[in-house]
Amino acid sequence: MTVLGLILMGAGVLFLLVAAIGLVRLPDALQRMHSATKAGTLGTALVILGAMLTGEVARPQSGLLTIIFLLVTLPLGAQLLGRATYVARTPLEGLEDDPLAEDEGSGLTRK
């Protein structure tokens, strides 16, 4: 179990490294947000799971609750950040025209 835990923690650290590189290298806010939430969530969950398997966590229930909390809240936060970016008219890389600008039913006020 210790070897599997160390492998999971190593994989988690690699995902967190990819998320950090994505935050620095990607051109606009939506792409940076995608990198931070997807790879960051998976990386953090793998590190916590690896720590639980190696026996470094006194209460495994707290580790599982932390992973569940991350999986529930980070996608919702990413959705809200993406919507705020769109409504604030943040310039997006590679998007010449706005496909939702004429959509009256979207609930977004971009005009």
PDB file of N, CA and C in Angstrom:
ATOM      1  N   MET A   1       0.811  -1.200   0.000  1.00  0.00           N
ATOM      2  CA  MET A   1       0.000   0.000   0.000  1.00  0.00           C
ATOM      3  C   MET A   1       0.852   1.261   0.000  1.00  0.00           C
ATOM      4  N   THR A   2       2.019   1.178   0.641  1.00  0.00           N
ATOM      5  CA  THR A   2       2.880   2.348   0.700  1.00  0.00           C
ATOM      6  C   THR A   2       3.375   2.734  -0.686  1.00  0.00           C
ATOM      7  N   VAL A   3       3.736   1.724  -1.487  1.00  0.00           N
ATOM      8  CA  VAL A   3       4.237   2.013  -2.839  1.00  0.00           C
ATOM      9  C   VAL A   3       3.126   2.634  -3.684  1.00  0.00           C
ATOM     10  N   LEU A   4       1.926   2.077  -3.596  1.00  0.00           N
ATOM     11  CA  LEU A   4       0.799   2.640  -4.350  1.00  0.00           C
ATOM     12  C   LEU A   4       0.496   4.067  -3.897  1.00  0.00           C
ATOM     13  N   GLY A   5       0.577   4.310  -2.598  1.00  0.00           N
ATOM     14  CA  GLY A   5       0.362   5.662  -2.084  1.00  0.00           C
ATOM     15  C   GLY A   5       1.394   6.649  -2.600  1.00  0.00           C
ATOM     16  N   LEU A   6       2.654   6.218  -2.642  1.00  0.00           N
ATOM     17  CA  LEU A   6       3.711   7.095  -3.163  1.00  0.00           C
ATOM     18  C   LEU A   6       3.532   7.364  -4.655  1.00  0.00           C
ATOM     19  N   ILE A   7       3.079   6.351  -5.399  1.00  0.00           N
ATOM     20  CA  ILE A   7       2.821   6.545  -6.830  1.00  0.00           C
ATOM     21  C   ILE A   7       1.683   7.539  -7.035  1.00  0.00           C
ATOM     22  N   LEU A   8       0.614   7.404  -6.240  1.00  0.00           N
ATOM     23  CA  LEU A   8      -0.497   8.348  -6.354  1.00  0.00           C
ATOM     24  C   LEU A   8      -0.070   9.763  -5.974  1.00  0.00           C
ATOM     25  N   MET A   9       0.728   9.899  -4.934  1.00  0.00           N
ATOM     26  CA  MET A   9       1.198  11.236  -4.549  1.00  0.00           C
ATOM     27  C   MET A   9       2.100  11.832  -5.624  1.00  0.00           C
ATOM     28  N   GLY A  10       2.948  11.003  -6.245  1.00  0.00           N
ATOM     29  CA  GLY A  10       3.793  11.497  -7.338  1.00  0.00           C
ATOM     30  C   GLY A  10       2.972  11.942  -8.542  1.00  0.00           C
ATOM     31  N   ALA A  11       1.949  11.154  -8.876  1.00  0.00           N
ATOM     32  CA  ALA A  11       1.070  11.538  -9.988  1.00  0.00           C
ATOM     33  C   ALA A  11       0.319  12.820  -9.661  1.00  0.00           C
ATOM     34  N   GLY A  12      -0.107  12.956  -8.412  1.00  0.00           N
ATOM     35  CA  GLY A  12      -0.799  14.179  -8.004  1.00  0.00           C
ATOM     36  C   GLY A  12       0.088  15.406  -8.104  1.00  0.00           C
ATOM     37  N   VAL A  13       1.345  15.249  -7.712  1.00  0.00           N
ATOM     38  CA  VAL A  13       2.283  16.366  -7.806  1.00  0.00           C
ATOM     39  C   VAL A  13       2.514  16.738  -9.267  1.00  0.00           C
ATOM     40  N   LEU A  14       2.570  15.743 -10.149  1.00  0.00           N
ATOM     41  CA  LEU A  14       2.724  16.050 -11.580  1.00  0.00           C
ATOM     42  C   LEU A  14       1.517  16.811 -12.128  1.00  0.00           C
ATOM     43  N   PHE A  15       0.309  16.413 -11.722  1.00  0.00           N
ATOM     44  CA  PHE A  15      -0.881  17.147 -12.152  1.00  0.00           C
ATOM     45  C   PHE A  15      -0.879  18.575 -11.614  1.00  0.00           C
ATOM     46  N   LEU A  16      -0.448  18.751 -10.376  1.00  0.00           N
ATOM     47  CA  LEU A  16      -0.370  20.108  -9.822  1.00  0.00           C
ATOM     48  C   LEU A  16       0.676  20.940 -10.551  1.00  0.00           C
ATOM     49  N   LEU A  17       1.772  20.305 -10.970  1.00  0.00           N
ATOM     50  CA  LEU A  17       2.791  21.018 -11.753  1.00  0.00           C
ATOM     51  C   LEU A  17       2.224  21.446 -13.106  1.00  0.00           C
ATOM     52  N   VAL A  18       1.464  20.563 -13.743  1.00  0.00           N
ATOM     53  CA  VAL A  18       0.827  20.910 -15.020  1.00  0.00           C
ATOM     54  C   VAL A  18      -0.137  22.077 -14.830  1.00  0.00           C
ATOM     55  N   ALA A  19      -0.893  22.071 -13.728  1.00  0.00           N
ATOM     56  CA  ALA A  19      -1.823  23.172 -13.453  1.00  0.00           C
ATOM     57  C   ALA A  19      -1.069  24.480 -13.258  1.00  0.00           C
ATOM     58  N   ALA A  20       0.051  24.441 -12.547  1.00  0.00           N
ATOM     59  CA  ALA A  20       0.837  25.660 -12.324  1.00  0.00           C
ATOM     60  C   ALA A  20       1.431  26.176 -13.625  1.00  0.00           C
ATOM     61  N   ILE A  21       1.930  25.287 -14.447  1.00  0.00           N
ATOM     62  CA  ILE A  21       2.474  25.705 -15.749  1.00  0.00           C
ATOM     63  C   ILE A  21       1.364  26.290 -16.613  1.00  0.00           C
ATOM     64  N   GLY A  22       0.177  25.680 -16.568  1.00  0.00           N
ATOM     65  CA  GLY A  22      -0.951  26.205 -17.334  1.00  0.00           C
ATOM     66  C   GLY A  22      -1.349  27.599 -16.895  1.00  0.00           C
ATOM     67  N   LEU A  23      -1.288  27.872 -15.601  1.00  0.00           N
ATOM     68  CA  LEU A  23      -1.617  29.215 -15.112  1.00  0.00           C
ATOM     69  C   LEU A  23      -0.652  30.262 -15.649  1.00  0.00           C
ATOM     70  N   VAL A  24       0.595  29.872 -15.819  1.00  0.00           N
ATOM     71  CA  VAL A  24       1.599  30.832 -16.284  1.00  0.00           C
ATOM     72  C   VAL A  24       1.585  30.967 -17.805  1.00  0.00           C
ATOM     73  N   ARG A  25       1.378  29.865 -18.521  1.00  0.00           N
ATOM     74  CA  ARG A  25       1.583  29.870 -19.963  1.00  0.00           C
ATOM     75  C   ARG A  25       0.333  30.136 -20.805  1.00  0.00           C
ATOM     76  N   LEU A  26      -0.841  29.845 -20.305  1.00  0.00           N
ATOM     77  CA  LEU A  26      -2.038  29.991 -21.134  1.00  0.00           C
ATOM     78  C   LEU A  26      -2.427  31.462 -21.279  1.00  0.00           C
ATOM     79  N   PRO A  27      -2.991  31.841 -22.452  1.00  0.00           N
ATOM     80  CA  PRO A  27      -3.138  33.253 -22.779  1.00  0.00           C
ATOM     81  C   PRO A  27      -4.301  34.002 -22.132  1.00  0.00           C
ATOM     82  N   ASP A  28      -5.443  33.374 -21.914  1.00  0.00           N
ATOM     83  CA  ASP A  28      -6.567  34.162 -21.395  1.00  0.00           C
ATOM     84  C   ASP A  28      -7.156  33.540 -20.138  1.00  0.00           C
ATOM     85  N   ALA A  29      -8.076  34.260 -19.549  1.00  0.00           N
ATOM     86  CA  ALA A  29      -8.609  33.897 -18.234  1.00  0.00           C
ATOM     87  C   ALA A  29      -9.355  32.563 -18.242  1.00  0.00           C
ATOM     88  N   LEU A  30     -10.128  32.286 -19.271  1.00  0.00           N
ATOM     89  CA  LEU A  30     -10.887  31.035 -19.301  1.00  0.00           C
ATOM     90  C   LEU A  30      -9.975  29.821 -19.416  1.00  0.00           C
ATOM     91  N   GLN A  31      -8.935  29.927 -20.214  1.00  0.00           N
ATOM     92  CA  GLN A  31      -7.999  28.812 -20.345  1.00  0.00           C
ATOM     93  C   GLN A  31      -7.215  28.603 -19.050  1.00  0.00           C
ATOM     94  N   ARG A  32      -6.825  29.684 -18.398  1.00  0.00           N
ATOM     95  CA  ARG A  32      -6.127  29.566 -17.111  1.00  0.00           C
ATOM     96  C   ARG A  32      -7.030  28.943 -16.061  1.00  0.00           C
ATOM     97  N   MET A  33      -8.292  29.350 -16.051  1.00  0.00           N
ATOM     98  CA  MET A  33      -9.242  28.802 -15.097  1.00  0.00           C
ATOM     99  C   MET A  33      -9.438  27.304 -15.331  1.00  0.00           C
ATOM    100  N   HIS A  34      -9.510  26.901 -16.575  1.00  0.00           N
ATOM    101  CA  HIS A  34      -9.679  25.488 -16.911  1.00  0.00           C
ATOM    102  C   HIS A  34      -8.489  24.671 -16.405  1.00  0.00           C
ATOM    103  N   SER A  35      -7.303  25.179 -16.630  1.00  0.00           N
ATOM    104  CA  SER A  35      -6.099  24.476 -16.175  1.00  0.00           C
ATOM    105  C   SER A  35      -6.065  24.349 -14.659  1.00  0.00           C
ATOM    106  N   ALA A  36      -6.374  25.421 -13.976  1.00  0.00           N
ATOM    107  CA  ALA A  36      -6.302  25.404 -12.515  1.00  0.00           C
ATOM    108  C   ALA A  36      -7.351  24.489 -11.905  1.00  0.00           C
ATOM    109  N   THR A  37      -8.559  24.472 -12.449  1.00  0.00           N
ATOM    110  CA  THR A  37      -9.608  23.679 -11.815  1.00  0.00           C
ATOM    111  C   THR A  37      -9.509  22.200 -12.169  1.00  0.00           C
ATOM    112  N   LYS A  38      -9.254  21.875 -13.411  1.00  0.00           N
ATOM    113  CA  LYS A  38      -9.239  20.458 -13.801  1.00  0.00           C
ATOM    114  C   LYS A  38      -8.009  19.750 -13.246  1.00  0.00           C
ATOM    115  N   ALA A  39      -6.835  20.208 -13.610  1.00  0.00           N
ATOM    116  CA  ALA A  39      -5.612  19.531 -13.163  1.00  0.00           C
ATOM    117  C   ALA A  39      -5.369  19.740 -11.671  1.00  0.00           C
ATOM    118  N   GLY A  40      -5.743  20.901 -11.161  1.00  0.00           N
ATOM    119  CA  GLY A  40      -5.559  21.167  -9.735  1.00  0.00           C
ATOM    120  C   GLY A  40      -6.427  20.282  -8.857  1.00  0.00           C
ATOM    121  N   THR A  41      -7.669  20.065  -9.265  1.00  0.00           N
ATOM    122  CA  THR A  41      -8.571  19.202  -8.499  1.00  0.00           C
ATOM    123  C   THR A  41      -8.075  17.761  -8.507  1.00  0.00           C
ATOM    124  N   LEU A  42      -7.738  17.257  -9.682  1.00  0.00           N
ATOM    125  CA  LEU A  42      -7.264  15.883  -9.778  1.00  0.00           C
ATOM    126  C   LEU A  42      -5.950  15.701  -9.024  1.00  0.00           C
ATOM    127  N   GLY A  43      -5.039  16.653  -9.155  1.00  0.00           N
ATOM    128  CA  GLY A  43      -3.755  16.564  -8.458  1.00  0.00           C
ATOM    129  C   GLY A  43      -3.909  16.572  -6.950  1.00  0.00           C
ATOM    130  N   THR A  44      -4.731  17.451  -6.444  1.00  0.00           N
ATOM    131  CA  THR A  44      -4.954  17.525  -4.996  1.00  0.00           C
ATOM    132  C   THR A  44      -5.629  16.263  -4.476  1.00  0.00           C
ATOM    133  N   ALA A  45      -6.606  15.755  -5.215  1.00  0.00           N
ATOM    134  CA  ALA A  45      -7.285  14.524  -4.799  1.00  0.00           C
ATOM    135  C   ALA A  45      -6.311  13.343  -4.777  1.00  0.00           C
ATOM    136  N   LEU A  46      -5.428  13.260  -5.773  1.00  0.00           N
ATOM    137  CA  LEU A  46      -4.461  12.166  -5.791  1.00  0.00           C
ATOM    138  C   LEU A  46      -3.455  12.271  -4.648  1.00  0.00           C
ATOM    139  N   VAL A  47      -3.017  13.472  -4.324  1.00  0.00           N
ATOM    140  CA  VAL A  47      -2.088  13.644  -3.207  1.00  0.00           C
ATOM    141  C   VAL A  47      -2.752  13.245  -1.892  1.00  0.00           C
ATOM    142  N   ILE A  48      -3.984  13.651  -1.685  1.00  0.00           N
ATOM    143  CA  ILE A  48      -4.692  13.291  -0.453  1.00  0.00           C
ATOM    144  C   ILE A  48      -4.926  11.787  -0.391  1.00  0.00           C
ATOM    145  N   LEU A  49      -5.336  11.189  -1.502  1.00  0.00           N
ATOM    146  CA  LEU A  49      -5.562   9.750  -1.537  1.00  0.00           C
ATOM    147  C   LEU A  49      -4.261   8.984  -1.280  1.00  0.00           C
ATOM    148  N   GLY A  50      -3.167   9.463  -1.870  1.00  0.00           N
ATOM    149  CA  GLY A  50      -1.869   8.835  -1.630  1.00  0.00           C
ATOM    150  C   GLY A  50      -1.434   8.942  -0.175  1.00  0.00           C
ATOM    151  N   ALA A  51      -1.681  10.087   0.430  1.00  0.00           N
ATOM    152  CA  ALA A  51      -1.343  10.256   1.848  1.00  0.00           C
ATOM    153  C   ALA A  51      -2.195   9.343   2.721  1.00  0.00           C
ATOM    154  N   MET A  52      -3.439   9.137   2.327  1.00  0.00           N
ATOM    155  CA  MET A  52      -4.293   8.228   3.091  1.00  0.00           C
ATOM    156  C   MET A  52      -3.789   6.786   2.982  1.00  0.00           C
ATOM    157  N   LEU A  53      -3.341   6.395   1.787  1.00  0.00           N
ATOM    158  CA  LEU A  53      -2.872   5.027   1.604  1.00  0.00           C
ATOM    159  C   LEU A  53      -1.537   4.763   2.303  1.00  0.00           C
ATOM    160  N   THR A  54      -0.696   5.768   2.433  1.00  0.00           N
ATOM    161  CA  THR A  54       0.579   5.562   3.108  1.00  0.00           C
ATOM    162  C   THR A  54       0.437   5.604   4.619  1.00  0.00           C
ATOM    163  N   GLY A  55      -0.731   5.955   5.116  1.00  0.00           N
ATOM    164  CA  GLY A  55      -0.957   5.966   6.553  1.00  0.00           C
ATOM    165  C   GLY A  55      -0.552   7.253   7.232  1.00  0.00           C
ATOM    166  N   GLU A  56      -0.394   8.325   6.484  1.00  0.00           N
ATOM    167  CA  GLU A  56       0.018   9.605   7.056  1.00  0.00           C
ATOM    168  C   GLU A  56      -1.165  10.438   7.546  1.00  0.00           C
ATOM    169  N   VAL A  57      -2.374   9.918   7.393  1.00  0.00           N
ATOM    170  CA  VAL A  57      -3.571  10.643   7.812  1.00  0.00           C
ATOM    171  C   VAL A  57      -4.161   9.911   9.017  1.00  0.00           C
ATOM    172  N   ALA A  58      -4.372  10.631  10.094  1.00  0.00           N
ATOM    173  CA  ALA A  58      -4.896  10.012  11.313  1.00  0.00           C
ATOM    174  C   ALA A  58      -6.341   9.564  11.135  1.00  0.00           C
ATOM    175  N   ARG A  59      -7.138  10.366  10.447  1.00  0.00           N
ATOM    176  CA  ARG A  59      -8.547  10.044  10.228  1.00  0.00           C
ATOM    177  C   ARG A  59      -8.819  10.012   8.720  1.00  0.00           C
ATOM    178  N   PRO A  60      -8.913   8.839   8.123  1.00  0.00           N
ATOM    179  CA  PRO A  60      -9.161   8.752   6.676  1.00  0.00           C
ATOM    180  C   PRO A  60     -10.490   9.386   6.247  1.00  0.00           C
ATOM    181  N   GLN A  61     -11.460   9.460   7.167  1.00  0.00           N
ATOM    182  CA  GLN A  61     -12.749  10.066   6.817  1.00  0.00           C
ATOM    183  C   GLN A  61     -12.574  11.541   6.456  1.00  0.00           C
ATOM    184  N   SER A  62     -11.662  12.211   7.128  1.00  0.00           N
ATOM    185  CA  SER A  62     -11.435  13.623   6.806  1.00  0.00           C
ATOM    186  C   SER A  62     -10.814  13.775   5.419  1.00  0.00           C
ATOM    187  N   GLY A  63      -9.964  12.836   5.029  1.00  0.00           N
ATOM    188  CA  GLY A  63      -9.401  12.867   3.677  1.00  0.00           C
ATOM    189  C   GLY A  63     -10.470  12.653   2.619  1.00  0.00           C
ATOM    190  N   LEU A  64     -11.354  11.693   2.865  1.00  0.00           N
ATOM    191  CA  LEU A  64     -12.438  11.449   1.909  1.00  0.00           C
ATOM    192  C   LEU A  64     -13.392  12.634   1.827  1.00  0.00           C
ATOM    193  N   LEU A  65     -13.703  13.234   2.958  1.00  0.00           N
ATOM    194  CA  LEU A  65     -14.569  14.412   2.944  1.00  0.00           C
ATOM    195  C   LEU A  65     -13.906  15.580   2.215  1.00  0.00           C
ATOM    196  N   THR A  66     -12.595  15.705   2.361  1.00  0.00           N
ATOM    197  CA  THR A  66     -11.881  16.768   1.645  1.00  0.00           C
ATOM    198  C   THR A  66     -11.949  16.554   0.141  1.00  0.00           C
ATOM    199  N   ILE A  67     -11.751  15.320  -0.303  1.00  0.00           N
ATOM    200  CA  ILE A  67     -11.822  15.016  -1.738  1.00  0.00           C
ATOM    201  C   ILE A  67     -13.228  15.278  -2.270  1.00  0.00           C
ATOM    202  N   ILE A  68     -14.245  14.855  -1.536  1.00  0.00           N
ATOM    203  CA  ILE A  68     -15.632  15.103  -1.963  1.00  0.00           C
ATOM    204  C   ILE A  68     -15.917  16.597  -2.023  1.00  0.00           C
ATOM    205  N   PHE A  69     -15.441  17.345  -1.030  1.00  0.00           N
ATOM    206  CA  PHE A  69     -15.632  18.795  -1.019  1.00  0.00           C
ATOM    207  C   PHE A  69     -14.985  19.439  -2.244  1.00  0.00           C
ATOM    208  N   LEU A  70     -13.768  19.014  -2.591  1.00  0.00           N
ATOM    209  CA  LEU A  70     -13.098  19.560  -3.767  1.00  0.00           C
ATOM    210  C   LEU A  70     -13.860  19.238  -5.049  1.00  0.00           C
ATOM    211  N   LEU A  71     -14.316  17.995  -5.172  1.00  0.00           N
ATOM    212  CA  LEU A  71     -15.015  17.588  -6.388  1.00  0.00           C
ATOM    213  C   LEU A  71     -16.367  18.268  -6.551  1.00  0.00           C
ATOM    214  N   VAL A  72     -16.952  18.712  -5.452  1.00  0.00           N
ATOM    215  CA  VAL A  72     -18.252  19.393  -5.533  1.00  0.00           C
ATOM    216  C   VAL A  72     -18.078  20.890  -5.750  1.00  0.00           C
ATOM    217  N   THR A  73     -17.152  21.514  -5.035  1.00  0.00           N
ATOM    218  CA  THR A  73     -17.076  22.973  -5.057  1.00  0.00           C
ATOM    219  C   THR A  73     -16.241  23.551  -6.197  1.00  0.00           C
ATOM    220  N   LEU A  74     -15.166  22.917  -6.600  1.00  0.00           N
ATOM    221  CA  LEU A  74     -14.318  23.523  -7.626  1.00  0.00           C
ATOM    222  C   LEU A  74     -14.979  23.633  -8.992  1.00  0.00           C
ATOM    223  N   PRO A  75     -15.735  22.646  -9.479  1.00  0.00           N
ATOM    224  CA  PRO A  75     -16.438  22.869 -10.747  1.00  0.00           C
ATOM    225  C   PRO A  75     -17.465  24.002 -10.668  1.00  0.00           C
ATOM    226  N   LEU A  76     -18.141  24.137  -9.537  1.00  0.00           N
ATOM    227  CA  LEU A  76     -19.094  25.243  -9.383  1.00  0.00           C
ATOM    228  C   LEU A  76     -18.379  26.586  -9.379  1.00  0.00           C
ATOM    229  N   GLY A  77     -17.256  26.651  -8.696  1.00  0.00           N
ATOM    230  CA  GLY A  77     -16.466  27.882  -8.688  1.00  0.00           C
ATOM    231  C   GLY A  77     -15.946  28.230 -10.070  1.00  0.00           C
ATOM    232  N   ALA A  78     -15.534  27.219 -10.822  1.00  0.00           N
ATOM    233  CA  ALA A  78     -15.052  27.454 -12.185  1.00  0.00           C
ATOM    234  C   ALA A  78     -16.164  27.986 -13.075  1.00  0.00           C
ATOM    235  N   GLN A  79     -17.364  27.443 -12.913  1.00  0.00           N
ATOM    236  CA  GLN A  79     -18.512  27.934 -13.685  1.00  0.00           C
ATOM    237  C   GLN A  79     -18.785  29.405 -13.375  1.00  0.00           C
ATOM    238  N   LEU A  80     -18.768  29.761 -12.109  1.00  0.00           N
ATOM    239  CA  LEU A  80     -19.016  31.147 -11.729  1.00  0.00           C
ATOM    240  C   LEU A  80     -17.912  32.080 -12.223  1.00  0.00           C
ATOM    241  N   LEU A  81     -16.656  31.632 -12.154  1.00  0.00           N
ATOM    242  CA  LEU A  81     -15.558  32.459 -12.681  1.00  0.00           C
ATOM    243  C   LEU A  81     -15.672  32.642 -14.189  1.00  0.00           C
ATOM    244  N   GLY A  82     -16.031  31.585 -14.895  1.00  0.00           N
ATOM    245  CA  GLY A  82     -16.205  31.690 -16.341  1.00  0.00           C
ATOM    246  C   GLY A  82     -17.320  32.652 -16.711  1.00  0.00           C
ATOM    247  N   ARG A  83     -18.424  32.582 -15.996  1.00  0.00           N
ATOM    248  CA  ARG A  83     -19.541  33.496 -16.259  1.00  0.00           C
ATOM    249  C   ARG A  83     -19.150  34.935 -15.940  1.00  0.00           C
ATOM    250  N   ALA A  84     -18.448  35.148 -14.839  1.00  0.00           N
ATOM    251  CA  ALA A  84     -18.014  36.501 -14.477  1.00  0.00           C
ATOM    252  C   ALA A  84     -17.037  37.046 -15.513  1.00  0.00           C
ATOM    253  N   THR A  85     -16.163  36.192 -16.030  1.00  0.00           N
ATOM    254  CA  THR A  85     -15.230  36.613 -17.074  1.00  0.00           C
ATOM    255  C   THR A  85     -15.976  37.037 -18.326  1.00  0.00           C
ATOM    256  N   TYR A  86     -16.991  36.272 -18.681  1.00  0.00           N
ATOM    257  CA  TYR A  86     -17.767  36.581 -19.883  1.00  0.00           C
ATOM    258  C   TYR A  86     -18.563  37.869 -19.713  1.00  0.00           C
ATOM    259  N   VAL A  87     -19.227  38.022 -18.579  1.00  0.00           N
ATOM    260  CA  VAL A  87     -20.058  39.205 -18.349  1.00  0.00           C
ATOM    261  C   VAL A  87     -19.193  40.459 -18.243  1.00  0.00           C
ATOM    262  N   ALA A  88     -17.981  40.337 -17.707  1.00  0.00           N
ATOM    263  CA  ALA A  88     -17.086  41.489 -17.570  1.00  0.00           C
ATOM    264  C   ALA A  88     -16.396  41.863 -18.878  1.00  0.00           C
ATOM    265  N   ARG A  89     -16.708  41.128 -19.947  1.00  0.00           N
ATOM    266  CA  ARG A  89     -16.143  41.405 -21.281  1.00  0.00           C
ATOM    267  C   ARG A  89     -14.627  41.302 -21.313  1.00  0.00           C
ATOM    268  N   THR A  90     -14.091  40.336 -20.628  1.00  0.00           N
ATOM    269  CA  THR A  90     -12.658  40.096 -20.665  1.00  0.00           C
ATOM    270  C   THR A  90     -12.288  39.601 -22.060  1.00  0.00           C
ATOM    271  N   PRO A  91     -11.257  40.179 -22.672  1.00  0.00           N
ATOM    272  CA  PRO A  91     -10.874  39.731 -24.019  1.00  0.00           C
ATOM    273  C   PRO A  91     -10.409  38.271 -23.992  1.00  0.00           C
ATOM    274  N   LEU A  92     -10.899  37.501 -24.965  1.00  0.00           N
ATOM    275  CA  LEU A  92     -10.562  36.089 -25.053  1.00  0.00           C
ATOM    276  C   LEU A  92      -9.703  35.840 -26.277  1.00  0.00           C
ATOM    277  N   GLU A  93      -8.714  34.997 -26.134  1.00  0.00           N
ATOM    278  CA  GLU A  93      -7.773  34.678 -27.210  1.00  0.00           C
ATOM    279  C   GLU A  93      -8.465  33.832 -28.275  1.00  0.00           C
ATOM    280  N   GLY A  94      -8.328  34.230 -29.546  1.00  0.00           N
ATOM    281  CA  GLY A  94      -8.836  33.439 -30.655  1.00  0.00           C
ATOM    282  C   GLY A  94     -10.337  33.523 -30.875  1.00  0.00           C
ATOM    283  N   LEU A  95     -11.011  34.503 -30.272  1.00  0.00           N
ATOM    284  CA  LEU A  95     -12.452  34.639 -30.438  1.00  0.00           C
ATOM    285  C   LEU A  95     -12.725  35.996 -31.074  1.00  0.00           C
ATOM    286  N   GLU A  96     -12.923  35.995 -32.414  1.00  0.00           N
ATOM    287  CA  GLU A  96     -13.136  37.247 -33.127  1.00  0.00           C
ATOM    288  C   GLU A  96     -14.549  37.789 -32.908  1.00  0.00           C
ATOM    289  N   ASP A  97     -15.547  36.913 -33.031  1.00  0.00           N
ATOM    290  CA  ASP A  97     -16.918  37.348 -32.814  1.00  0.00           C
ATOM    291  C   ASP A  97     -17.512  36.545 -31.665  1.00  0.00           C
ATOM    292  N   ASP A  98     -18.466  37.133 -31.010  1.00  0.00           N
ATOM    293  CA  ASP A  98     -19.069  36.520 -29.836  1.00  0.00           C
ATOM    294  C   ASP A  98     -20.298  35.728 -30.255  1.00  0.00           C
ATOM    295  N   PRO A  99     -20.277  34.402 -30.142  1.00  0.00           N
ATOM    296  CA  PRO A  99     -21.430  33.628 -30.590  1.00  0.00           C
ATOM    297  C   PRO A  99     -22.664  33.815 -29.710  1.00  0.00           C
ATOM    298  N   LEU A 100     -22.518  34.312 -28.507  1.00  0.00           N
ATOM    299  CA  LEU A 100     -23.667  34.501 -27.621  1.00  0.00           C
ATOM    300  C   LEU A 100     -24.133  35.948 -27.546  1.00  0.00           C
ATOM    301  N   ALA A 101     -23.534  36.853 -28.312  1.00  0.00           N
ATOM    302  CA  ALA A 101     -23.882  38.267 -28.216  1.00  0.00           C
ATOM    303  C   ALA A 101     -25.329  38.528 -28.628  1.00  0.00           C
ATOM    304  N   GLU A 102     -25.849  37.752 -29.562  1.00  0.00           N
ATOM    305  CA  GLU A 102     -27.207  37.979 -30.050  1.00  0.00           C
ATOM    306  C   GLU A 102     -28.220  37.049 -29.397  1.00  0.00           C
ATOM    307  N   ASP A 103     -27.792  36.211 -28.479  1.00  0.00           N
ATOM    308  CA  ASP A 103     -28.681  35.254 -27.826  1.00  0.00           C
ATOM    309  C   ASP A 103     -29.392  35.935 -26.667  1.00  0.00           C
ATOM    310  N   GLU A 104     -30.659  36.280 -26.879  1.00  0.00           N
ATOM    311  CA  GLU A 104     -31.431  36.990 -25.868  1.00  0.00           C
ATOM    312  C   GLU A 104     -31.810  36.090 -24.693  1.00  0.00           C
ATOM    313  N   GLY A 105     -31.925  34.775 -24.928  1.00  0.00           N
ATOM    314  CA  GLY A 105     -32.368  33.862 -23.890  1.00  0.00           C
ATOM    315  C   GLY A 105     -31.262  33.350 -22.992  1.00  0.00           C
ATOM    316  N   SER A 106     -30.039  33.803 -23.190  1.00  0.00           N
ATOM    317  CA  SER A 106     -28.941  33.247 -22.411  1.00  0.00           C
ATOM    318  C   SER A 106     -28.866  33.773 -21.001  1.00  0.00           C
ATOM    319  N   GLY A 107     -29.464  34.930 -20.747  1.00  0.00           N
ATOM    320  CA  GLY A 107     -29.412  35.511 -19.402  1.00  0.00           C
ATOM    321  C   GLY A 107     -28.142  36.319 -19.147  1.00  0.00           C
ATOM    322  N   LEU A 108     -27.266  36.385 -20.122  1.00  0.00           N
ATOM    323  CA  LEU A 108     -26.023  37.144 -19.970  1.00  0.00           C
ATOM    324  C   LEU A 108     -26.181  38.499 -20.647  1.00  0.00           C
ATOM    325  N   THR A 109     -25.662  39.533 -20.031  1.00  0.00           N
ATOM    326  CA  THR A 109     -25.737  40.880 -20.608  1.00  0.00           C
ATOM    327  C   THR A 109     -24.344  41.262 -21.080  1.00  0.00           C
ATOM    328  N   ARG A 110     -24.039  40.966 -22.319  1.00  0.00           N
ATOM    329  CA  ARG A 110     -22.701  41.199 -22.870  1.00  0.00           C
ATOM    330  C   ARG A 110     -22.673  42.410 -23.777  1.00  0.00           C
ATOM    331  N   LYS A 111     -23.789  42.954 -24.192  1.00  0.00           N
ATOM    332  CA  LYS A 111     -23.819  44.004 -25.228  1.00  0.00           C
ATOM    333  C   LYS A 111     -23.339  45.310 -24.776  1.00  0.00           C
TER     334      LYS A 111
END
